[in-house]
Amino acid sequence: MHVTSKTGSPSSKQSRAALRFVLTIGVLSFFADFTYEGARSVIGPFLATLGATAFAVSTVTGFGEFVGYGVRLLSGRAADRTGKFWPIAIAGYTLQMVSVPCLTFAGSWPAAAGLIIAERLGKAIRNPPRDVMLSHAGTNVGLGWAFGVHEALDQFGALVGPLVVAALLTVRHDYHLAFAVLAVPAAINLLLVGVARAVYPHPEALEKPQALEESTGYPRVFWIYLAGAVLVAAGFADYPLIAYHFAKSGVVGPDIIPVFYAVAMGVSGTGSLVFGRLFDRFGFRIIIGVSVISAAFAPLVFLSGFWGALAGAAIWGLGMGVHESIIPAAVTPMVPASRRASAYGLFTAGYGIFWFLGSAVMGALYDRSVLAATSFCVAAELAAVPIFIVVFRIRSAERVTQ
C-alpha cells in the first residue's frame, strides 16, 4: 500500500495525533514534577524539623532512589506480560500524587519517610509503561524529539515546583502548608492522566507499522549500551552532594544554591529539546559528544569558584536532560516492541542502582578528598565513551545491512 505524506493523508494525521499525545504526556508530567520536585526540594530540612538525623535523611532519600529505580524492572515486566500499560501507569501516578500532599499530616520523621518512599515507588511503577507509550508516538515524530519534548516539559515542572515552594516558605515558614498547596498540581496531574487515558486508549496505534517487530530476548548491542550507561550513572553526582559542597566550601551562598538548581533544571529542559532533535538527525554520535561534555561538570562544581560552579551546574543540568531523554530513546530501536517495557525497566533499574552505588562512592571519597571524588566522576563518565563508540559502530553496521 502506498502511503503519501500530503496533509490530510493517514500518515500525516497519525503524526499529528502522535505529537498531540507526546504533548499531553508532557503536560501531565509538568504537573507531576511540579508536585514531587517541589516537595523534594525541601525534604531534607523538613525531616530535620521532625527530628531526623543527617544519617536518617541520607538513608531515607538514598533508599527511596534505590526503590524508585529498582522496582521499574518489575513494573516493566508486568506491563509487557499483561499489556495493561495504562492501568499500571495510572496506579503509579495515583500513588505518587497522593503521597506528596499527605506529607501535610506527617507528625514524625518515620511517617514522612514512608510517604517519601511511597512517592518514589509510585514513580517506579508508572515510568516503564509510560515510556513505552511515548515510544509508540516517537516512531512517528522522532524518538529523540518525543522524549526530548516530554523531558523539557517534565524539567520545567521541576523548575517551577521548587520556586513555588520557596516562595511559600518565604511568606510563611510552614512546610506542612507547602505540601498542602502541592495538592493542587497533584490533582491537575491525575485529572490529565484520566483525560489522556480517555482520549488515547490505545497509544500503540500511533506507532508506524514498519517499526513493529516481533522477536525474543535482547540483542548484544543492548547489553553493551547498558554497560556504558551504568558507567555514566555511576559518575553522575546527585545535586544534594553538589549543594552540600557549595554550602561547605562557601563558594555559593545558601540563598543562591536553589537558584543554581533552577538554572540546572532550565538547561536540562532546553537541552533535552535541542539534543533530542539533534539525536533524530545525527543519531548515536550525539550521545557520545554529550557524554564527553557532561564529564566537565565535576571539576567545575567541585574545584572552581562561583562562576565556574554556575557553569558546572548548567552542564550538570544538560547531562541530566540527556540522561532522562536521549539515552532511553536510544533503547527503543534496539529491542523488539514486545519486550520494550521490560527493556526500559531493566535499563533504568541498572542505571539507578549504579547511580546509587556511585553516589555512595563519591560521598565516601569526598569525605577524604574533594579531588578524589572529582576524579572518580570524570573517570566514570569518560569510561563510558569507548563503549558508546562500539555501540555506534554496531548500530551503523546494522543499518547498512538492513
Protein backbone atom coordinates (compact mmCIF):
# COMPACT_ATOMS: atom_id res chain seq x y z
CA MET A 1 0.00 0.00 0.00
CA HIS A 2 1.33 3.42 -0.96
CA VAL A 3 1.40 5.93 1.91
CA THR A 4 1.71 9.59 0.98
CA SER A 5 2.98 12.42 3.14
CA LYS A 6 0.46 15.04 1.97
CA THR A 7 -1.51 16.97 4.53
CA GLY A 8 -4.63 15.05 5.42
CA SER A 9 -3.16 11.68 4.49
CA PRO A 10 -3.35 8.81 7.00
CA SER A 11 0.36 9.10 7.79
CA SER A 12 0.25 12.87 8.46
CA LYS A 13 -2.89 12.51 10.60
CA GLN A 14 -1.17 9.80 12.61
CA SER A 15 1.91 12.01 13.07
CA ARG A 16 -0.22 14.89 14.33
CA ALA A 17 -2.02 12.56 16.72
CA ALA A 18 1.33 11.23 17.92
CA LEU A 19 2.61 14.77 18.57
CA ARG A 20 -0.55 15.67 20.49
CA PHE A 21 -0.09 12.55 22.60
CA VAL A 22 3.53 13.48 23.37
CA LEU A 23 2.46 16.99 24.38
CA THR A 24 -0.37 15.61 26.52
CA ILE A 25 2.00 13.28 28.39
CA GLY A 26 4.50 16.14 28.68
CA VAL A 27 1.95 18.48 30.26
CA LEU A 28 0.81 15.90 32.80
CA SER A 29 4.48 15.25 33.60
CA PHE A 30 4.93 19.01 34.11
CA PHE A 31 2.38 18.89 36.92
CA ALA A 32 3.82 15.65 38.27
CA ASP A 33 7.27 17.19 38.58
CA PHE A 34 5.78 20.41 39.89
CA THR A 35 4.35 18.31 42.72
CA TYR A 36 7.10 15.91 43.69
CA GLU A 37 10.15 18.04 42.87
CA GLY A 38 8.55 20.89 44.82
CA ALA A 39 8.35 18.56 47.81
CA ARG A 40 11.78 17.00 47.29
CA SER A 41 13.45 20.42 47.24
CA VAL A 42 12.72 20.77 50.99
CA ILE A 43 12.60 17.14 52.14
CA GLY A 44 15.96 17.40 53.92
CA PRO A 45 15.16 20.38 56.15
CA PHE A 46 11.59 19.14 56.66
CA LEU A 47 12.83 15.81 58.03
CA ALA A 48 15.27 17.71 60.24
CA THR A 49 12.38 19.64 61.81
CA LEU A 50 10.82 16.29 62.69
CA GLY A 51 13.97 15.17 64.49
CA ALA A 52 15.71 13.15 61.77
CA THR A 53 19.49 12.99 61.83
CA ALA A 54 21.70 13.59 58.78
CA PHE A 55 22.23 9.82 58.54
CA ALA A 56 18.47 9.24 58.60
CA VAL A 57 17.90 11.83 55.88
CA SER A 58 20.58 10.36 53.60
CA THR A 59 19.37 6.81 54.23
CA VAL A 60 15.73 7.62 53.52
CA THR A 61 16.44 9.57 50.34
CA GLY A 62 19.04 7.06 49.15
CA PHE A 63 16.74 4.10 49.75
CA GLY A 64 13.91 5.99 48.06
CA GLU A 65 16.02 6.41 44.91
CA PHE A 66 17.01 2.75 45.05
CA VAL A 67 13.34 1.74 45.19
CA GLY A 68 12.48 4.32 42.55
CA TYR A 69 14.76 2.65 40.02
CA GLY A 70 14.87 -0.97 41.14
CA VAL A 71 11.11 -1.55 41.07
CA ARG A 72 11.00 -0.40 37.44
CA LEU A 73 12.36 -3.80 36.48
CA LEU A 74 9.23 -5.42 37.92
CA SER A 75 6.74 -2.89 36.59
CA GLY A 76 8.27 -3.11 33.12
CA ARG A 77 7.93 -6.88 33.05
CA ALA A 78 4.38 -6.66 34.37
CA ALA A 79 3.45 -4.20 31.63
CA ASP A 80 4.90 -6.44 28.90
CA ARG A 81 3.25 -9.59 30.23
CA THR A 82 -0.20 -8.11 30.80
CA GLY A 83 -0.29 -5.41 28.13
CA LYS A 84 -2.06 -3.17 30.70
CA PHE A 85 0.11 -0.12 30.15
CA TRP A 86 -2.49 2.46 31.14
CA PRO A 87 -3.76 0.73 34.31
CA ILE A 88 -0.22 0.23 35.62
CA ALA A 89 0.76 3.82 34.76
CA ILE A 90 -2.39 5.20 36.40
CA ALA A 91 -1.74 3.19 39.57
CA GLY A 92 1.77 4.63 39.76
CA TYR A 93 0.66 8.21 39.16
CA THR A 94 -2.08 7.87 41.79
CA LEU A 95 0.28 6.54 44.47
CA GLN A 96 2.86 9.22 43.70
CA MET A 97 0.47 12.17 43.60
CA VAL A 98 -1.39 11.14 46.77
CA SER A 99 1.82 10.60 48.75
CA VAL A 100 3.10 14.17 48.44
CA PRO A 101 0.12 16.10 49.88
CA CYS A 102 -0.15 13.51 52.64
CA LEU A 103 3.18 14.83 53.97
CA THR A 104 1.00 17.64 55.37
CA PHE A 105 -0.18 15.21 58.03
CA ALA A 106 3.19 13.62 58.83
CA GLY A 107 3.91 14.19 62.52
CA SER A 108 7.14 12.19 62.76
CA TRP A 109 10.09 11.58 60.50
CA PRO A 110 9.40 7.81 60.13
CA ALA A 111 5.89 8.64 58.90
CA ALA A 112 7.28 11.19 56.46
CA ALA A 113 9.94 8.68 55.36
CA GLY A 114 7.24 6.15 54.49
CA LEU A 115 5.48 8.71 52.29
CA ILE A 116 8.74 9.76 50.64
CA ILE A 117 9.50 6.14 49.73
CA ALA A 118 5.90 5.63 48.57
CA GLU A 119 6.29 8.59 46.21
CA ARG A 120 9.41 7.02 44.70
CA LEU A 121 7.60 3.69 44.43
CA GLY A 122 4.77 5.35 42.51
CA LYS A 123 7.24 6.83 40.05
CA ALA A 124 8.89 3.43 39.62
CA ILE A 125 5.56 1.80 38.81
CA ARG A 126 4.42 4.31 36.20
CA ASN A 127 7.61 5.11 34.30
CA PRO A 128 8.22 1.96 32.16
CA PRO A 129 4.67 1.73 30.76
CA ARG A 130 4.59 5.50 30.20
CA ASP A 131 7.89 5.38 28.32
CA VAL A 132 6.62 2.58 26.11
CA MET A 133 3.54 4.62 25.23
CA LEU A 134 5.80 7.57 24.42
CA SER A 135 7.97 5.35 22.25
CA HIS A 136 4.94 4.38 20.14
CA ALA A 137 4.35 8.04 19.34
CA GLY A 138 8.07 8.63 18.96
CA THR A 139 8.35 6.32 15.97
CA ASN A 140 6.14 8.81 14.13
CA VAL A 141 7.57 12.16 15.25
CA GLY A 142 11.16 11.11 16.05
CA LEU A 143 12.24 9.27 19.18
CA GLY A 144 14.69 11.97 20.27
CA TRP A 145 12.10 14.69 19.71
CA ALA A 146 9.33 12.79 21.53
CA PHE A 147 11.44 12.03 24.60
CA GLY A 148 13.07 15.46 24.39
CA VAL A 149 9.78 17.38 24.33
CA HIS A 150 8.46 15.27 27.19
CA GLU A 151 11.62 15.76 29.23
CA ALA A 152 11.61 19.52 28.60
CA LEU A 153 8.09 19.88 30.00
CA ASP A 154 8.99 17.49 32.79
CA GLN A 155 12.05 19.52 33.79
CA PHE A 156 10.26 22.85 33.58
CA GLY A 157 7.86 21.43 36.14
CA ALA A 158 10.92 20.56 38.23
CA LEU A 159 11.96 24.20 37.94
CA VAL A 160 8.59 25.75 38.81
CA GLY A 161 7.73 23.46 41.74
CA PRO A 162 10.75 24.28 43.93
CA LEU A 163 10.41 28.00 43.14
CA VAL A 164 6.75 27.99 44.24
CA VAL A 165 7.64 26.12 47.43
CA ALA A 166 10.49 28.56 48.10
CA ALA A 167 8.09 31.50 47.67
CA LEU A 168 5.58 29.92 50.05
CA LEU A 169 8.25 29.31 52.68
CA THR A 170 9.45 32.89 52.32
CA VAL A 171 5.97 34.23 53.04
CA ARG A 172 5.17 31.69 55.73
CA HIS A 173 7.76 29.26 57.03
CA ASP A 174 5.42 26.27 57.19
CA TYR A 175 6.39 23.05 55.41
CA HIS A 176 3.00 21.48 56.04
CA LEU A 177 1.28 24.37 54.26
CA ALA A 178 3.65 24.00 51.29
CA PHE A 179 2.84 20.29 50.99
CA ALA A 180 -0.88 21.08 51.22
CA VAL A 181 -0.62 23.59 48.36
CA LEU A 182 1.08 20.92 46.23
CA ALA A 183 -2.21 19.03 46.29
CA VAL A 184 -3.36 21.42 43.54
CA PRO A 185 -0.84 20.40 40.84
CA ALA A 186 -1.19 16.79 42.03
CA ALA A 187 -4.94 16.91 41.37
CA ILE A 188 -4.38 18.51 37.96
CA ASN A 189 -1.93 15.74 37.09
CA LEU A 190 -4.41 12.99 37.97
CA LEU A 191 -7.15 14.77 36.02
CA LEU A 192 -4.90 14.95 32.95
CA VAL A 193 -3.95 11.29 33.32
CA GLY A 194 -7.64 10.43 33.16
CA VAL A 195 -8.14 12.65 30.11
CA ALA A 196 -5.13 11.12 28.34
CA ARG A 197 -6.43 7.63 29.05
CA ALA A 198 -9.84 8.52 27.62
CA VAL A 199 -8.54 10.29 24.50
CA TYR A 200 -5.70 7.86 23.74
CA PRO A 201 -6.85 4.43 24.99
CA HIS A 202 -4.53 2.61 22.54
CA PRO A 203 -1.23 4.52 22.13
CA GLU A 204 0.23 1.52 20.29
CA ALA A 205 -1.92 2.57 17.32
CA LEU A 206 0.31 5.64 16.99
CA GLU A 207 3.34 3.54 16.06
CA LYS A 208 4.40 3.14 12.47
CA PRO A 209 3.59 -0.41 11.30
CA GLN A 210 7.08 -0.86 9.89
CA ALA A 211 8.56 -0.02 13.29
CA LEU A 212 6.93 -3.02 14.91
CA GLU A 213 8.94 -6.22 15.03
CA GLU A 214 8.45 -9.37 16.99
CA SER A 215 11.31 -11.41 18.41
CA THR A 216 12.52 -12.60 21.79
CA GLY A 217 15.42 -11.63 24.02
CA TYR A 218 17.66 -8.59 23.99
CA PRO A 219 20.36 -8.14 21.35
CA ARG A 220 24.04 -7.92 22.25
CA VAL A 221 24.12 -4.20 21.47
CA PHE A 222 21.54 -3.55 24.20
CA TRP A 223 23.78 -5.08 26.87
CA ILE A 224 26.82 -3.20 25.62
CA TYR A 225 24.84 0.04 25.69
CA LEU A 226 23.63 -0.72 29.21
CA ALA A 227 27.26 -1.20 30.33
CA GLY A 228 28.12 2.27 29.08
CA ALA A 229 25.01 3.84 30.59
CA VAL A 230 25.66 2.49 34.08
CA LEU A 231 29.16 3.98 33.98
CA VAL A 232 27.61 7.35 33.14
CA ALA A 233 25.21 6.90 36.05
CA ALA A 234 27.97 5.92 38.47
CA GLY A 235 29.90 9.09 37.71
CA PHE A 236 26.94 11.46 37.82
CA ALA A 237 26.75 13.23 41.18
CA ASP A 238 23.45 13.86 42.93
CA TYR A 239 22.63 17.55 43.32
CA PRO A 240 22.38 17.22 47.14
CA LEU A 241 26.11 16.37 47.19
CA ILE A 242 26.85 19.33 44.91
CA ALA A 243 24.74 21.60 47.12
CA TYR A 244 26.49 20.22 50.20
CA HIS A 245 29.84 21.15 48.66
CA PHE A 246 28.62 24.64 47.76
CA ALA A 247 27.48 25.25 51.32
CA LYS A 248 30.54 23.69 52.97
CA SER A 249 33.09 25.45 50.78
CA GLY A 250 31.26 28.77 50.80
CA VAL A 251 31.66 29.07 47.03
CA VAL A 252 27.89 29.64 46.69
CA GLY A 253 25.70 31.30 49.31
CA PRO A 254 22.84 29.30 50.87
CA ASP A 255 20.22 31.57 49.29
CA ILE A 256 21.77 31.13 45.82
CA ILE A 257 22.06 27.32 45.89
CA PRO A 258 18.36 26.83 44.92
CA VAL A 259 18.87 29.33 42.09
CA PHE A 260 21.75 27.21 40.76
CA TYR A 261 19.39 24.22 40.82
CA ALA A 262 16.75 26.20 38.94
CA VAL A 263 19.38 27.12 36.32
CA ALA A 264 20.32 23.45 36.00
CA MET A 265 16.68 22.45 35.50
CA GLY A 266 16.19 25.17 32.90
CA VAL A 267 19.25 23.99 30.96
CA SER A 268 18.07 20.40 31.36
CA GLY A 269 14.71 21.12 29.79
CA THR A 270 16.14 23.22 26.96
CA GLY A 271 18.96 20.75 26.32
CA SER A 272 16.59 17.81 26.06
CA LEU A 273 14.70 19.64 23.30
CA VAL A 274 17.79 20.67 21.35
CA PHE A 275 19.69 17.42 21.66
CA GLY A 276 16.55 15.35 21.15
CA ARG A 277 16.15 16.94 17.74
CA LEU A 278 19.86 16.51 17.02
CA PHE A 279 19.63 12.84 18.02
CA ASP A 280 16.91 12.25 15.45
CA ARG A 281 19.09 13.87 12.79
CA PHE A 282 22.59 12.63 13.63
CA GLY A 283 21.92 9.52 15.68
CA PHE A 284 24.04 7.92 18.37
CA ARG A 285 27.06 10.16 17.86
CA ILE A 286 25.15 12.87 19.78
CA ILE A 287 25.21 10.69 22.91
CA ILE A 288 28.97 10.25 22.55
CA GLY A 289 29.54 14.00 22.24
CA VAL A 290 27.31 14.94 25.16
CA SER A 291 28.93 12.28 27.36
CA VAL A 292 32.30 13.95 26.83
CA ILE A 293 30.88 17.41 27.52
CA SER A 294 28.96 16.41 30.65
CA ALA A 295 32.11 15.00 32.28
CA ALA A 296 33.24 18.62 32.71
CA PHE A 297 30.59 19.28 35.36
CA ALA A 298 32.61 17.69 38.17
CA PRO A 299 35.80 19.81 38.10
CA LEU A 300 33.70 22.93 37.59
CA VAL A 301 31.31 22.41 40.52
CA PHE A 302 33.85 20.91 42.93
CA LEU A 303 37.10 22.72 42.12
CA SER A 304 36.24 26.20 40.80
CA GLY A 305 34.84 29.49 42.04
CA PHE A 306 31.36 31.00 41.78
CA TRP A 307 31.12 31.45 38.02
CA GLY A 308 32.80 28.14 37.28
CA ALA A 309 30.38 26.45 39.68
CA LEU A 310 27.46 28.08 37.86
CA ALA A 311 28.78 26.77 34.54
CA GLY A 312 29.24 23.36 36.12
CA ALA A 313 25.66 23.36 37.42
CA ALA A 314 24.44 24.21 33.91
CA ILE A 315 26.48 21.37 32.38
CA TRP A 316 25.20 19.06 35.12
CA GLY A 317 21.66 20.05 34.12
CA LEU A 318 22.45 19.39 30.46
CA GLY A 319 23.69 15.91 31.37
CA MET A 320 20.55 15.30 33.41
CA GLY A 321 18.33 16.23 30.48
CA VAL A 322 20.18 13.93 28.11
CA HIS A 323 20.18 11.08 30.62
CA GLU A 324 16.42 11.32 31.04
CA SER A 325 15.55 11.73 27.36
CA ILE A 326 18.04 10.73 24.66
CA ILE A 327 19.66 7.81 26.46
CA PRO A 328 16.34 5.91 26.96
CA ALA A 329 15.16 6.99 23.49
CA ALA A 330 18.12 5.13 22.02
CA VAL A 331 16.89 1.89 23.62
CA THR A 332 13.71 1.81 21.52
CA PRO A 333 15.19 0.69 18.17
CA MET A 334 17.47 -1.82 19.90
CA VAL A 335 14.77 -4.10 21.28
CA PRO A 336 11.63 -5.79 19.92
CA ALA A 337 8.37 -3.96 20.58
CA SER A 338 7.02 -6.88 22.61
CA ARG A 339 9.89 -6.53 25.13
CA ARG A 340 10.10 -2.74 25.22
CA ALA A 341 8.63 -2.16 28.70
CA SER A 342 10.86 -4.86 30.18
CA ALA A 343 13.86 -3.33 28.43
CA TYR A 344 13.05 0.13 29.83
CA GLY A 345 12.58 -1.35 33.28
CA LEU A 346 15.84 -3.30 33.12
CA PHE A 347 17.73 -0.36 31.69
CA THR A 348 16.52 2.20 34.22
CA ALA A 349 16.89 -0.24 37.11
CA GLY A 350 20.53 -0.85 36.23
CA TYR A 351 21.02 2.87 35.72
CA GLY A 352 19.51 3.69 39.11
CA ILE A 353 21.38 1.01 41.02
CA PHE A 354 24.72 2.18 39.70
CA TRP A 355 23.78 5.81 40.32
CA PHE A 356 23.11 4.84 43.94
CA LEU A 357 26.38 2.91 44.22
CA GLY A 358 28.34 5.68 42.51
CA SER A 359 26.82 8.26 44.84
CA ALA A 360 27.90 6.23 47.85
CA VAL A 361 31.46 6.01 46.50
CA MET A 362 31.52 9.75 45.77
CA GLY A 363 30.33 10.57 49.26
CA ALA A 364 33.00 8.37 50.83
CA LEU A 365 35.71 9.84 48.60
CA TYR A 366 34.52 13.40 49.21
CA ASP A 367 34.95 13.00 52.98
CA ARG A 368 38.62 12.21 52.30
CA SER A 369 39.43 14.33 49.27
CA VAL A 370 37.38 16.58 47.01
CA LEU A 371 39.89 15.94 44.24
CA ALA A 372 39.44 12.17 44.60
CA ALA A 373 35.65 12.49 44.30
CA THR A 374 36.05 14.74 41.26
CA SER A 375 38.47 12.33 39.61
CA PHE A 376 36.07 9.45 40.15
CA CYS A 377 33.24 11.38 38.47
CA VAL A 378 35.33 12.27 35.42
CA ALA A 379 36.86 8.81 35.08
CA ALA A 380 33.50 7.01 35.24
CA GLU A 381 31.84 9.39 32.76
CA LEU A 382 34.69 9.18 30.24
CA ALA A 383 34.99 5.39 30.62
CA ALA A 384 31.56 5.13 29.00
CA VAL A 385 32.69 6.90 25.82
CA PRO A 386 34.63 3.96 24.25
CA ILE A 387 31.66 1.70 24.96
CA PHE A 388 29.28 4.13 23.29
CA ILE A 389 31.61 4.25 20.26
CA VAL A 390 31.32 0.45 19.99
CA VAL A 391 27.52 0.76 20.15
CA PHE A 392 27.62 3.43 17.44
CA ARG A 393 29.64 1.18 15.15
CA ILE A 394 27.35 -1.79 15.71
CA ARG A 395 24.24 0.29 15.03
CA SER A 396 25.83 1.77 11.91
CA ALA A 397 26.71 -1.69 10.61
CA GLU A 398 23.16 -2.90 11.29
CA ARG A 399 21.69 -0.05 9.26
CA VAL A 400 23.96 -0.87 6.33
CA THR A 401 22.80 -4.49 6.27
CA GLN A 402 19.10 -3.66 6.61
